[in-house]
Amino acid sequence: MTWPDRPATGDRPVYSISAVARMLDVPVATLRTWEDRYQQVVPARNASGHRLYSRRQVEQLRFVRAQMSEGASVADAHRLLAERAETGQPLSAVSARPAPRLLIQLAESDAYAAEFAEFFLKTEGFQVEVTLTEAAAREAFTVANPAVVIVEVLISGGAGLELCRYFREQASVAIVVVSAVEVMDAAIDAGADAFLRKPLDPLQLVSTVRDLLRSSAVLAGQER
């Protein structure tokens, strides 16, 4: 199936199933059931068997979720998705709550790369805290309570994955692991919600952060 209105980068597996479940506000078991029963959105699998979704697949699932919110059955929502794919029609735009001005923590070993990512995130209206060592990242995390942490694998000589595990154990925070080498399987196993290859594409970085923050925005609205 081809979706002509989406860039090629949207096909890359990025998100864990738990991250997608939070984005859509549906149980992980529901995503598995949809995959098995309808075979419309079938994620990739890493070496450990974890499901990995591309951004395009997340948008397809958002389409299904939106159709259900408007009264369609699960089967009808997937049928409509299949019809869009067969006819080449673009997915209907699904309205999304704007991401709140929550803090993004960058745990990055390369000061230049950190400045690059910080610039684009701040341009999009996010608050950003940069930490250049593992120790500084741990200390800042405890004090700042960020909504999203972006962890570079080579921070402090390669402590990024261990840092990812630490963040996952401490709080329910969205975690993006970035690396110049392909370590997606290890990153997901360490608790990452998404993995991005360096050099980072600014649009993909911002889109990934916004996707992960979307569930935080929904939860914040429910708490008011």
N, C-alpha and C. Protein backbone atom coordinates (compact mmCIF):
# COMPACT_ATOMS: atom_id res chain seq x y z
N MET A 1 0.84 -1.19 0.00
CA MET A 1 0.00 0.00 0.00
C MET A 1 0.88 1.24 0.00
N THR A 2 0.50 2.24 -0.73
CA THR A 2 1.27 3.47 -0.77
C THR A 2 0.40 4.64 -0.37
N TRP A 3 1.01 5.57 0.31
CA TRP A 3 0.31 6.77 0.75
C TRP A 3 1.09 7.95 0.18
N PRO A 4 0.70 8.49 -0.95
CA PRO A 4 1.50 9.47 -1.67
C PRO A 4 1.72 10.77 -0.93
N ASP A 5 0.94 11.04 0.10
CA ASP A 5 1.09 12.32 0.77
C ASP A 5 2.05 12.24 1.95
N ARG A 6 2.81 11.13 2.10
CA ARG A 6 3.71 10.99 3.23
C ARG A 6 5.15 10.85 2.74
N PRO A 7 6.11 11.46 3.45
CA PRO A 7 7.52 11.34 3.05
C PRO A 7 8.05 9.95 3.35
N ALA A 8 9.15 9.61 2.67
CA ALA A 8 9.74 8.28 2.84
C ALA A 8 10.17 8.05 4.28
N THR A 9 10.61 9.10 4.99
CA THR A 9 11.06 8.93 6.37
C THR A 9 9.94 8.42 7.26
N GLY A 10 8.69 8.60 6.85
CA GLY A 10 7.58 8.13 7.65
C GLY A 10 7.47 6.63 7.70
N ASP A 11 8.24 5.92 6.83
CA ASP A 11 8.20 4.46 6.81
C ASP A 11 9.16 3.83 7.81
N ARG A 12 10.04 4.60 8.38
CA ARG A 12 11.05 4.03 9.26
C ARG A 12 10.45 3.67 10.61
N PRO A 13 10.73 2.46 11.13
CA PRO A 13 10.22 2.10 12.46
C PRO A 13 10.90 2.97 13.53
N VAL A 14 10.08 3.61 14.34
CA VAL A 14 10.59 4.56 15.33
C VAL A 14 10.05 4.28 16.73
N TYR A 15 8.75 3.99 16.85
CA TYR A 15 8.07 3.98 18.14
C TYR A 15 7.80 2.57 18.67
N SER A 16 7.95 2.40 19.98
CA SER A 16 7.57 1.15 20.63
C SER A 16 6.06 1.08 20.74
N ILE A 17 5.53 -0.11 20.97
CA ILE A 17 4.08 -0.27 21.05
C ILE A 17 3.51 0.45 22.27
N SER A 18 4.27 0.50 23.36
CA SER A 18 3.78 1.21 24.55
C SER A 18 3.66 2.70 24.29
N ALA A 19 4.60 3.26 23.51
CA ALA A 19 4.52 4.68 23.16
C ALA A 19 3.30 4.95 22.29
N VAL A 20 3.04 4.08 21.32
CA VAL A 20 1.88 4.26 20.44
C VAL A 20 0.59 4.13 21.23
N ALA A 21 0.54 3.20 22.17
CA ALA A 21 -0.65 3.04 23.00
C ALA A 21 -0.94 4.31 23.79
N ARG A 22 0.10 4.97 24.30
CA ARG A 22 -0.11 6.21 25.03
C ARG A 22 -0.57 7.33 24.09
N MET A 23 0.01 7.39 22.89
CA MET A 23 -0.38 8.42 21.93
C MET A 23 -1.87 8.32 21.59
N LEU A 24 -2.35 7.10 21.45
CA LEU A 24 -3.73 6.89 21.00
C LEU A 24 -4.70 6.72 22.16
N ASP A 25 -4.15 6.58 23.36
CA ASP A 25 -4.98 6.35 24.55
C ASP A 25 -5.79 5.06 24.40
N VAL A 26 -5.11 3.99 23.97
CA VAL A 26 -5.72 2.67 23.88
C VAL A 26 -4.77 1.67 24.54
N PRO A 27 -5.28 0.55 25.04
CA PRO A 27 -4.41 -0.46 25.65
C PRO A 27 -3.49 -1.11 24.61
N VAL A 28 -2.33 -1.54 25.07
CA VAL A 28 -1.40 -2.24 24.20
C VAL A 28 -2.07 -3.48 23.61
N ALA A 29 -2.87 -4.17 24.42
CA ALA A 29 -3.55 -5.38 23.95
C ALA A 29 -4.48 -5.08 22.78
N THR A 30 -5.07 -3.88 22.78
CA THR A 30 -5.97 -3.49 21.69
C THR A 30 -5.21 -3.35 20.39
N LEU A 31 -4.02 -2.77 20.42
CA LEU A 31 -3.21 -2.64 19.21
C LEU A 31 -2.83 -4.01 18.67
N ARG A 32 -2.50 -4.92 19.56
CA ARG A 32 -2.16 -6.27 19.11
C ARG A 32 -3.37 -6.95 18.46
N THR A 33 -4.54 -6.75 19.07
CA THR A 33 -5.76 -7.35 18.52
C THR A 33 -6.07 -6.79 17.14
N TRP A 34 -5.96 -5.47 16.98
CA TRP A 34 -6.21 -4.85 15.67
C TRP A 34 -5.25 -5.41 14.63
N GLU A 35 -3.99 -5.56 15.00
CA GLU A 35 -3.00 -6.09 14.05
C GLU A 35 -3.36 -7.50 13.62
N ASP A 36 -3.67 -8.36 14.60
CA ASP A 36 -3.96 -9.77 14.30
C ASP A 36 -5.25 -9.94 13.51
N ARG A 37 -6.27 -9.14 13.87
CA ARG A 37 -7.59 -9.35 13.27
C ARG A 37 -7.74 -8.71 11.91
N TYR A 38 -7.18 -7.49 11.74
CA TYR A 38 -7.44 -6.74 10.51
C TYR A 38 -6.25 -6.66 9.56
N GLN A 39 -5.03 -6.86 10.06
CA GLN A 39 -3.83 -6.90 9.22
C GLN A 39 -3.67 -5.64 8.36
N GLN A 40 -4.13 -4.51 8.87
CA GLN A 40 -4.00 -3.24 8.15
C GLN A 40 -2.73 -2.49 8.55
N VAL A 41 -2.43 -2.51 9.84
CA VAL A 41 -1.23 -1.84 10.34
C VAL A 41 -0.39 -2.91 11.04
N VAL A 42 0.63 -3.37 10.35
CA VAL A 42 1.48 -4.44 10.87
C VAL A 42 2.88 -3.88 11.13
N PRO A 43 3.26 -3.70 12.37
CA PRO A 43 4.55 -3.10 12.68
C PRO A 43 5.71 -4.05 12.40
N ALA A 44 6.91 -3.47 12.33
CA ALA A 44 8.12 -4.27 12.22
C ALA A 44 8.41 -4.91 13.58
N ARG A 45 9.30 -5.87 13.59
CA ARG A 45 9.74 -6.51 14.84
C ARG A 45 11.25 -6.41 14.94
N ASN A 46 11.74 -6.14 16.15
CA ASN A 46 13.18 -6.16 16.33
C ASN A 46 13.64 -7.57 16.69
N ALA A 47 14.92 -7.73 16.95
CA ALA A 47 15.47 -9.06 17.21
C ALA A 47 14.86 -9.71 18.45
N SER A 48 14.37 -8.88 19.37
CA SER A 48 13.76 -9.40 20.59
C SER A 48 12.27 -9.64 20.44
N GLY A 49 11.74 -9.32 19.26
CA GLY A 49 10.31 -9.54 19.03
C GLY A 49 9.43 -8.38 19.37
N HIS A 50 10.02 -7.24 19.80
CA HIS A 50 9.22 -6.06 20.14
C HIS A 50 8.65 -5.43 18.87
N ARG A 51 7.40 -4.98 18.93
CA ARG A 51 6.77 -4.29 17.80
C ARG A 51 7.30 -2.87 17.70
N LEU A 52 7.61 -2.43 16.47
CA LEU A 52 8.14 -1.09 16.22
C LEU A 52 7.32 -0.44 15.11
N TYR A 53 6.72 0.71 15.40
CA TYR A 53 5.82 1.39 14.47
C TYR A 53 6.50 2.58 13.81
N SER A 54 6.19 2.79 12.54
CA SER A 54 6.66 3.98 11.84
C SER A 54 5.68 5.13 12.11
N ARG A 55 6.10 6.34 11.74
CA ARG A 55 5.22 7.49 11.92
C ARG A 55 3.99 7.37 11.02
N ARG A 56 4.16 6.83 9.84
CA ARG A 56 3.03 6.63 8.93
C ARG A 56 2.00 5.69 9.57
N GLN A 57 2.49 4.62 10.20
CA GLN A 57 1.58 3.68 10.83
C GLN A 57 0.84 4.31 12.01
N VAL A 58 1.52 5.19 12.74
CA VAL A 58 0.85 5.90 13.84
C VAL A 58 -0.27 6.76 13.28
N GLU A 59 -0.04 7.43 12.16
CA GLU A 59 -1.08 8.26 11.55
C GLU A 59 -2.25 7.41 11.06
N GLN A 60 -1.95 6.21 10.55
CA GLN A 60 -3.02 5.31 10.14
C GLN A 60 -3.86 4.89 11.34
N LEU A 61 -3.19 4.60 12.45
CA LEU A 61 -3.92 4.22 13.66
C LEU A 61 -4.71 5.39 14.23
N ARG A 62 -4.17 6.60 14.08
CA ARG A 62 -4.92 7.78 14.51
C ARG A 62 -6.20 7.92 13.67
N PHE A 63 -6.08 7.62 12.38
CA PHE A 63 -7.25 7.66 11.50
C PHE A 63 -8.32 6.69 11.99
N VAL A 64 -7.89 5.46 12.31
CA VAL A 64 -8.83 4.46 12.83
C VAL A 64 -9.47 4.96 14.12
N ARG A 65 -8.65 5.50 15.01
CA ARG A 65 -9.16 6.01 16.31
C ARG A 65 -10.15 7.14 16.09
N ALA A 66 -9.87 8.03 15.14
CA ALA A 66 -10.76 9.16 14.87
C ALA A 66 -12.10 8.67 14.32
N GLN A 67 -12.05 7.67 13.43
CA GLN A 67 -13.29 7.12 12.88
C GLN A 67 -14.14 6.49 13.98
N MET A 68 -13.51 5.82 14.90
CA MET A 68 -14.24 5.21 16.02
C MET A 68 -14.84 6.28 16.93
N SER A 69 -14.13 7.38 17.12
CA SER A 69 -14.65 8.47 17.95
C SER A 69 -15.89 9.09 17.34
N GLU A 70 -16.00 8.99 16.00
CA GLU A 70 -17.16 9.54 15.30
C GLU A 70 -18.30 8.52 15.18
N GLY A 71 -18.13 7.34 15.80
CA GLY A 71 -19.22 6.38 15.84
C GLY A 71 -19.03 5.13 15.01
N ALA A 72 -17.95 5.03 14.24
CA ALA A 72 -17.72 3.85 13.41
C ALA A 72 -17.28 2.67 14.29
N SER A 73 -17.63 1.47 13.86
CA SER A 73 -17.16 0.27 14.55
C SER A 73 -15.68 0.08 14.23
N VAL A 74 -15.02 -0.79 14.99
CA VAL A 74 -13.61 -1.05 14.73
C VAL A 74 -13.43 -1.62 13.32
N ALA A 75 -14.31 -2.54 12.94
CA ALA A 75 -14.21 -3.15 11.62
C ALA A 75 -14.42 -2.12 10.51
N ASP A 76 -15.41 -1.25 10.68
CA ASP A 76 -15.67 -0.22 9.67
C ASP A 76 -14.51 0.76 9.57
N ALA A 77 -13.91 1.11 10.71
CA ALA A 77 -12.78 2.04 10.71
C ALA A 77 -11.61 1.45 9.93
N HIS A 78 -11.34 0.17 10.11
CA HIS A 78 -10.26 -0.47 9.37
C HIS A 78 -10.62 -0.64 7.90
N ARG A 79 -11.89 -0.86 7.62
CA ARG A 79 -12.32 -0.95 6.22
C ARG A 79 -12.10 0.38 5.51
N LEU A 80 -12.42 1.48 6.19
CA LEU A 80 -12.20 2.81 5.61
C LEU A 80 -10.72 3.07 5.38
N LEU A 81 -9.89 2.62 6.32
CA LEU A 81 -8.45 2.76 6.16
C LEU A 81 -7.97 2.01 4.93
N ALA A 82 -8.47 0.78 4.75
CA ALA A 82 -8.09 -0.02 3.58
C ALA A 82 -8.53 0.65 2.29
N GLU A 83 -9.72 1.25 2.29
CA GLU A 83 -10.21 1.93 1.09
C GLU A 83 -9.33 3.11 0.73
N ARG A 84 -8.89 3.86 1.75
CA ARG A 84 -7.99 4.99 1.48
C ARG A 84 -6.69 4.51 0.85
N ALA A 85 -6.18 3.38 1.32
CA ALA A 85 -4.93 2.85 0.78
C ALA A 85 -5.11 2.40 -0.66
N GLU A 86 -6.21 1.71 -0.94
CA GLU A 86 -6.45 1.17 -2.28
C GLU A 86 -6.66 2.26 -3.32
N THR A 87 -7.31 3.36 -2.92
CA THR A 87 -7.60 4.44 -3.85
C THR A 87 -6.53 5.52 -3.87
N GLY A 88 -5.57 5.42 -2.94
CA GLY A 88 -4.51 6.42 -2.89
C GLY A 88 -4.93 7.74 -2.29
N GLN A 89 -6.08 7.75 -1.61
CA GLN A 89 -6.53 9.00 -1.00
C GLN A 89 -5.69 9.30 0.24
N PRO A 90 -5.42 10.58 0.48
CA PRO A 90 -4.69 10.93 1.71
C PRO A 90 -5.58 10.72 2.92
N LEU A 91 -4.96 10.47 4.05
CA LEU A 91 -5.72 10.35 5.28
C LEU A 91 -6.30 11.70 5.65
N SER A 92 -7.50 11.69 6.18
CA SER A 92 -8.09 12.94 6.65
C SER A 92 -7.26 13.47 7.80
N ALA A 93 -7.10 14.76 7.83
CA ALA A 93 -6.35 15.37 8.92
C ALA A 93 -7.07 15.13 10.22
N VAL A 94 -6.33 14.66 11.21
CA VAL A 94 -6.89 14.42 12.53
C VAL A 94 -6.43 15.53 13.45
N SER A 95 -7.34 16.25 14.01
CA SER A 95 -6.97 17.37 14.87
C SER A 95 -6.23 16.86 16.09
N ALA A 96 -5.24 17.61 16.50
CA ALA A 96 -4.45 17.22 17.66
C ALA A 96 -4.31 18.40 18.60
N ARG A 97 -4.30 18.10 19.89
CA ARG A 97 -4.08 19.16 20.87
C ARG A 97 -2.65 19.67 20.71
N PRO A 98 -2.43 20.97 20.81
CA PRO A 98 -1.06 21.48 20.71
C PRO A 98 -0.22 20.99 21.89
N ALA A 99 1.04 20.70 21.63
CA ALA A 99 1.91 20.25 22.71
C ALA A 99 2.11 21.36 23.72
N PRO A 100 2.00 21.05 25.00
CA PRO A 100 2.20 22.08 26.02
C PRO A 100 3.67 22.47 26.11
N ARG A 101 3.96 23.58 26.78
CA ARG A 101 5.34 24.02 26.91
C ARG A 101 6.00 23.25 28.05
N LEU A 102 6.18 21.98 27.85
CA LEU A 102 6.84 21.13 28.82
C LEU A 102 8.33 21.09 28.52
N LEU A 103 9.09 20.61 29.49
CA LEU A 103 10.55 20.62 29.36
C LEU A 103 11.05 19.39 28.61
N ILE A 104 11.96 19.63 27.67
CA ILE A 104 12.66 18.57 26.96
C ILE A 104 14.10 18.55 27.46
N GLN A 105 14.56 17.41 27.94
CA GLN A 105 15.95 17.29 28.39
C GLN A 105 16.78 16.60 27.33
N LEU A 106 17.88 17.23 26.95
CA LEU A 106 18.82 16.68 25.97
C LEU A 106 20.05 16.15 26.70
N ALA A 107 20.24 14.85 26.69
CA ALA A 107 21.45 14.25 27.26
C ALA A 107 22.34 13.87 26.09
N GLU A 108 23.23 14.76 25.74
CA GLU A 108 24.00 14.65 24.48
C GLU A 108 25.49 14.85 24.74
N SER A 109 26.32 13.99 24.16
CA SER A 109 27.77 14.09 24.37
C SER A 109 28.42 15.16 23.51
N ASP A 110 27.81 15.49 22.38
CA ASP A 110 28.37 16.44 21.42
C ASP A 110 27.71 17.80 21.60
N ALA A 111 28.48 18.78 22.05
CA ALA A 111 27.91 20.10 22.32
C ALA A 111 27.32 20.73 21.06
N TYR A 112 27.95 20.51 19.93
CA TYR A 112 27.44 21.08 18.68
C TYR A 112 26.10 20.44 18.31
N ALA A 113 26.02 19.13 18.42
CA ALA A 113 24.77 18.43 18.12
C ALA A 113 23.67 18.86 19.08
N ALA A 114 24.04 19.07 20.34
CA ALA A 114 23.06 19.51 21.34
C ALA A 114 22.53 20.90 21.00
N GLU A 115 23.43 21.78 20.56
CA GLU A 115 23.02 23.13 20.18
C GLU A 115 22.08 23.10 18.97
N PHE A 116 22.38 22.22 18.03
CA PHE A 116 21.55 22.06 16.83
C PHE A 116 20.14 21.62 17.21
N ALA A 117 20.04 20.56 18.02
CA ALA A 117 18.72 20.06 18.43
C ALA A 117 17.99 21.07 19.30
N GLU A 118 18.73 21.72 20.19
CA GLU A 118 18.11 22.71 21.08
C GLU A 118 17.49 23.85 20.27
N PHE A 119 18.20 24.30 19.23
CA PHE A 119 17.70 25.40 18.41
C PHE A 119 16.35 25.06 17.79
N PHE A 120 16.25 23.89 17.18
CA PHE A 120 15.01 23.53 16.50
C PHE A 120 13.87 23.26 17.49
N LEU A 121 14.18 22.69 18.63
CA LEU A 121 13.13 22.45 19.62
C LEU A 121 12.62 23.77 20.20
N LYS A 122 13.53 24.69 20.48
CA LYS A 122 13.11 25.99 21.01
C LYS A 122 12.34 26.79 19.96
N THR A 123 12.75 26.64 18.70
CA THR A 123 12.02 27.32 17.62
C THR A 123 10.56 26.87 17.58
N GLU A 124 10.32 25.62 17.96
CA GLU A 124 8.96 25.08 17.98
C GLU A 124 8.24 25.38 19.29
N GLY A 125 8.88 26.13 20.19
CA GLY A 125 8.21 26.56 21.40
C GLY A 125 8.45 25.71 22.63
N PHE A 126 9.36 24.76 22.56
CA PHE A 126 9.63 23.90 23.70
C PHE A 126 10.69 24.53 24.61
N GLN A 127 10.63 24.21 25.89
CA GLN A 127 11.70 24.52 26.81
C GLN A 127 12.71 23.39 26.74
N VAL A 128 13.99 23.71 26.81
CA VAL A 128 15.04 22.70 26.62
C VAL A 128 16.10 22.83 27.70
N GLU A 129 16.48 21.70 28.28
CA GLU A 129 17.58 21.61 29.24
C GLU A 129 18.66 20.72 28.64
N VAL A 130 19.87 21.25 28.45
CA VAL A 130 20.96 20.49 27.84
C VAL A 130 21.90 19.97 28.93
N THR A 131 22.22 18.68 28.88
CA THR A 131 23.20 18.09 29.79
C THR A 131 24.20 17.31 28.96
N LEU A 132 25.48 17.48 29.24
CA LEU A 132 26.53 16.92 28.38
C LEU A 132 27.25 15.73 28.99
N THR A 133 26.88 15.33 30.20
CA THR A 133 27.48 14.15 30.83
C THR A 133 26.37 13.33 31.48
N GLU A 134 26.70 12.07 31.74
CA GLU A 134 25.72 11.19 32.39
C GLU A 134 25.35 11.72 33.77
N ALA A 135 26.35 12.14 34.55
CA ALA A 135 26.09 12.62 35.90
C ALA A 135 25.19 13.86 35.89
N ALA A 136 25.49 14.79 34.97
CA ALA A 136 24.67 16.00 34.87
C ALA A 136 23.25 15.66 34.45
N ALA A 137 23.11 14.67 33.56
CA ALA A 137 21.79 14.27 33.09
C ALA A 137 20.95 13.69 34.23
N ARG A 138 21.56 12.85 35.05
CA ARG A 138 20.84 12.27 36.18
C ARG A 138 20.40 13.35 37.17
N GLU A 139 21.31 14.28 37.46
CA GLU A 139 21.00 15.36 38.41
C GLU A 139 19.89 16.27 37.88
N ALA A 140 19.99 16.65 36.60
CA ALA A 140 18.99 17.54 36.01
C ALA A 140 17.63 16.85 35.94
N PHE A 141 17.62 15.56 35.67
CA PHE A 141 16.36 14.82 35.57
C PHE A 141 15.62 14.86 36.90
N THR A 142 16.35 14.69 37.98
CA THR A 142 15.73 14.68 39.31
C THR A 142 15.13 16.04 39.66
N VAL A 143 15.82 17.10 39.27
CA VAL A 143 15.38 18.45 39.62
C VAL A 143 14.31 18.98 38.67
N ALA A 144 14.50 18.76 37.37
CA ALA A 144 13.65 19.41 36.37
C ALA A 144 12.37 18.65 36.04
N ASN A 145 12.36 17.34 36.24
CA ASN A 145 11.19 16.53 35.92
C ASN A 145 10.72 16.76 34.48
N PRO A 146 11.55 16.44 33.48
CA PRO A 146 11.20 16.70 32.07
C PRO A 146 10.07 15.79 31.58
N ALA A 147 9.40 16.24 30.53
CA ALA A 147 8.34 15.44 29.92
C ALA A 147 8.91 14.46 28.91
N VAL A 148 10.00 14.86 28.24
CA VAL A 148 10.68 14.01 27.26
C VAL A 148 12.18 14.11 27.49
N VAL A 149 12.85 12.97 27.44
CA VAL A 149 14.31 12.95 27.52
C VAL A 149 14.86 12.39 26.21
N ILE A 150 15.80 13.11 25.61
CA ILE A 150 16.48 12.65 24.40
C ILE A 150 17.89 12.25 24.80
N VAL A 151 18.21 10.98 24.65
CA VAL A 151 19.48 10.43 25.14
C VAL A 151 20.35 9.99 23.98
N GLU A 152 21.57 10.51 23.93
CA GLU A 152 22.55 10.10 22.92
C GLU A 152 23.35 8.92 23.48
N VAL A 153 23.49 7.88 22.70
CA VAL A 153 24.09 6.64 23.19
C VAL A 153 25.51 6.84 23.71
N LEU A 154 26.29 7.71 23.06
CA LEU A 154 27.71 7.85 23.40
C LEU A 154 27.99 8.83 24.53
N ILE A 155 26.98 9.33 25.21
CA ILE A 155 27.23 10.26 26.30
C ILE A 155 28.10 9.59 27.36
N SER A 156 29.09 10.33 27.85
CA SER A 156 30.03 9.83 28.87
C SER A 156 30.65 8.50 28.47
N GLY A 157 31.09 8.42 27.22
CA GLY A 157 31.80 7.24 26.76
C GLY A 157 30.95 6.03 26.46
N GLY A 158 29.65 6.24 26.26
CA GLY A 158 28.78 5.12 25.90
C GLY A 158 27.80 4.71 26.98
N ALA A 159 27.45 5.65 27.86
CA ALA A 159 26.55 5.34 28.98
C ALA A 159 25.09 5.59 28.64
N GLY A 160 24.79 5.89 27.36
CA GLY A 160 23.44 6.29 27.01
C GLY A 160 22.37 5.25 27.28
N LEU A 161 22.63 4.00 26.97
CA LEU A 161 21.62 2.96 27.18
C LEU A 161 21.38 2.72 28.66
N GLU A 162 22.45 2.75 29.44
CA GLU A 162 22.28 2.61 30.89
C GLU A 162 21.51 3.80 31.46
N LEU A 163 21.76 4.98 30.90
CA LEU A 163 21.03 6.17 31.33
C LEU A 163 19.55 6.03 30.96
N CYS A 164 19.30 5.46 29.80
CA CYS A 164 17.92 5.22 29.38
C CYS A 164 17.21 4.30 30.37
N ARG A 165 17.87 3.24 30.78
CA ARG A 165 17.29 2.32 31.76
C ARG A 165 17.00 3.03 33.08
N TYR A 166 17.93 3.89 33.48
CA TYR A 166 17.75 4.66 34.72
C TYR A 166 16.51 5.54 34.64
N PHE A 167 16.36 6.27 33.53
CA PHE A 167 15.20 7.14 33.36
C PHE A 167 13.90 6.33 33.37
N ARG A 168 13.92 5.17 32.71
CA ARG A 168 12.72 4.35 32.65
C ARG A 168 12.32 3.84 34.03
N GLU A 169 13.31 3.55 34.87
CA GLU A 169 13.02 3.06 36.22
C GLU A 169 12.51 4.16 37.14
N GLN A 170 12.92 5.41 36.87
CA GLN A 170 12.61 6.51 37.78
C GLN A 170 11.20 7.06 37.59
N ALA A 171 10.72 7.14 36.37
CA ALA A 171 9.44 7.82 36.14
C ALA A 171 8.85 7.42 34.80
N SER A 172 7.57 7.72 34.64
CA SER A 172 6.89 7.46 33.36
C SER A 172 7.14 8.66 32.45
N VAL A 173 8.33 8.69 31.88
CA VAL A 173 8.74 9.80 31.01
C VAL A 173 8.94 9.25 29.60
N ALA A 174 8.67 10.07 28.60
CA ALA A 174 8.92 9.66 27.22
C ALA A 174 10.42 9.74 26.94
N ILE A 175 10.97 8.70 26.35
CA ILE A 175 12.42 8.62 26.11
C ILE A 175 12.69 8.38 24.63
N VAL A 176 13.53 9.24 24.05
CA VAL A 176 13.99 9.07 22.68
C VAL A 176 15.49 8.82 22.72
N VAL A 177 15.93 7.72 22.17
CA VAL A 177 17.37 7.42 22.08
C VAL A 177 17.84 7.78 20.68
N VAL A 178 18.97 8.46 20.59
CA VAL A 178 19.54 8.83 19.30
C VAL A 178 20.97 8.30 19.21
N SER A 179 21.37 7.92 18.00
CA SER A 179 22.71 7.38 17.82
C SER A 179 23.09 7.43 16.35
N ALA A 180 24.39 7.55 16.09
CA ALA A 180 24.91 7.52 14.72
C ALA A 180 25.01 6.09 14.20
N VAL A 181 24.89 5.11 15.09
CA VAL A 181 24.93 3.70 14.68
C VAL A 181 23.57 3.08 14.97
N GLU A 182 23.29 1.98 14.30
CA GLU A 182 21.99 1.33 14.41
C GLU A 182 21.94 0.47 15.68
N VAL A 183 21.34 1.02 16.74
CA VAL A 183 21.19 0.29 18.00
C VAL A 183 19.73 0.30 18.44
N MET A 184 18.82 0.30 17.47
CA MET A 184 17.40 0.39 17.81
C MET A 184 16.98 -0.74 18.74
N ASP A 185 17.36 -1.97 18.45
CA ASP A 185 16.94 -3.10 19.27
C ASP A 185 17.37 -2.90 20.72
N ALA A 186 18.63 -2.52 20.91
CA ALA A 186 19.15 -2.31 22.26
C ALA A 186 18.44 -1.15 22.95
N ALA A 187 18.13 -0.11 22.18
CA ALA A 187 17.45 1.05 22.75
C ALA A 187 16.05 0.70 23.23
N ILE A 188 15.29 -0.02 22.41
CA ILE A 188 13.94 -0.42 22.80
C ILE A 188 14.00 -1.35 24.01
N ASP A 189 14.96 -2.26 24.01
CA ASP A 189 15.11 -3.17 25.15
C ASP A 189 15.46 -2.41 26.42
N ALA A 190 16.14 -1.28 26.28
CA ALA A 190 16.52 -0.47 27.44
C ALA A 190 15.38 0.41 27.94
N GLY A 191 14.26 0.43 27.20
CA GLY A 191 13.10 1.19 27.67
C GLY A 191 12.76 2.41 26.85
N ALA A 192 13.46 2.62 25.72
CA ALA A 192 13.17 3.80 24.89
C ALA A 192 11.80 3.68 24.24
N ASP A 193 11.15 4.82 24.06
CA ASP A 193 9.87 4.88 23.34
C ASP A 193 10.09 5.05 21.85
N ALA A 194 11.22 5.63 21.47
CA ALA A 194 11.51 5.87 20.05
C ALA A 194 13.02 5.91 19.85
N PHE A 195 13.44 5.60 18.61
CA PHE A 195 14.85 5.64 18.27
C PHE A 195 15.03 6.42 16.97
N LEU A 196 16.00 7.33 16.95
CA LEU A 196 16.30 8.12 15.76
C LEU A 196 17.79 8.02 15.44
N ARG A 197 18.09 7.89 14.13
CA ARG A 197 19.48 7.84 13.69
C ARG A 197 20.03 9.25 13.52
N LYS A 198 21.30 9.43 13.86
CA LYS A 198 21.99 10.68 13.61
C LYS A 198 22.71 10.58 12.27
N PRO A 199 22.89 11.70 11.56
CA PRO A 199 22.49 13.06 11.95
C PRO A 199 20.98 13.22 11.97
N LEU A 200 20.49 13.95 12.96
CA LEU A 200 19.06 14.09 13.14
C LEU A 200 18.44 14.98 12.07
N ASP A 201 17.30 14.56 11.59
CA ASP A 201 16.50 15.39 10.70
C ASP A 201 15.63 16.28 11.59
N PRO A 202 15.74 17.61 11.51
CA PRO A 202 15.00 18.50 12.41
C PRO A 202 13.49 18.24 12.43
N LEU A 203 12.91 18.03 11.25
CA LEU A 203 11.48 17.80 11.18
C LEU A 203 11.09 16.51 11.88
N GLN A 204 11.87 15.46 11.67
CA GLN A 204 11.56 14.19 12.32
C GLN A 204 11.74 14.29 13.84
N LEU A 205 12.76 15.00 14.28
CA LEU A 205 12.99 15.19 15.71
C LEU A 205 11.80 15.88 16.35
N VAL A 206 11.38 17.01 15.78
CA VAL A 206 10.26 17.76 16.34
C VAL A 206 8.97 16.95 16.28
N SER A 207 8.75 16.25 15.16
CA SER A 207 7.54 15.44 15.01
C SER A 207 7.50 14.33 16.04
N THR A 208 8.65 13.71 16.29
CA THR A 208 8.71 12.63 17.28
C THR A 208 8.40 13.14 18.67
N VAL A 209 8.97 14.28 19.02
CA VAL A 209 8.72 14.87 20.34
C VAL A 209 7.24 15.25 20.47
N ARG A 210 6.68 15.85 19.44
CA ARG A 210 5.27 16.23 19.49
C ARG A 210 4.37 15.00 19.62
N ASP A 211 4.69 13.94 18.90
CA ASP A 211 3.91 12.71 19.00
C ASP A 211 3.92 12.17 20.43
N LEU A 212 5.10 12.14 21.04
CA LEU A 212 5.22 11.59 22.38
C LEU A 212 4.59 12.51 23.43
N LEU A 213 4.61 13.81 23.18
CA LEU A 213 4.00 14.76 24.11
C LEU A 213 2.48 14.78 24.01
N ARG A 214 1.95 14.33 22.90
CA ARG A 214 0.50 14.42 22.68
C ARG A 214 -0.27 13.70 23.78
N SER A 215 0.21 12.53 24.18
CA SER A 215 -0.48 11.80 25.24
C SER A 215 -0.34 12.55 26.56
N SER A 216 0.80 13.22 26.78
CA SER A 216 0.96 14.01 27.99
C SER A 216 -0.04 15.15 28.04
N ALA A 217 -0.30 15.76 26.86
CA ALA A 217 -1.26 16.86 26.80
C ALA A 217 -2.66 16.37 27.15
N VAL A 218 -3.01 15.19 26.67
CA VAL A 218 -4.33 14.63 26.97
C VAL A 218 -4.46 14.35 28.46
N LEU A 219 -3.43 13.75 29.04
CA LEU A 219 -3.48 13.44 30.46
C LEU A 219 -3.55 14.70 31.30
N ALA A 220 -2.80 15.74 30.88
CA ALA A 220 -2.83 17.00 31.62
C ALA A 220 -4.23 17.59 31.60
N GLY A 221 -4.90 17.49 30.48
CA GLY A 221 -6.26 18.01 30.38
C GLY A 221 -7.22 17.26 31.26
N GLN A 222 -7.01 15.95 31.44
CA GLN A 222 -7.89 15.16 32.28
C GLN A 222 -7.68 15.49 33.75
N GLU A 223 -6.50 15.97 34.11
CA GLU A 223 -6.22 16.25 35.52
C GLU A 223 -6.76 17.58 35.98
N ARG A 224 -7.12 18.47 35.02
CA ARG A 224 -7.59 19.79 35.42
C ARG A 224 -8.99 19.73 36.02
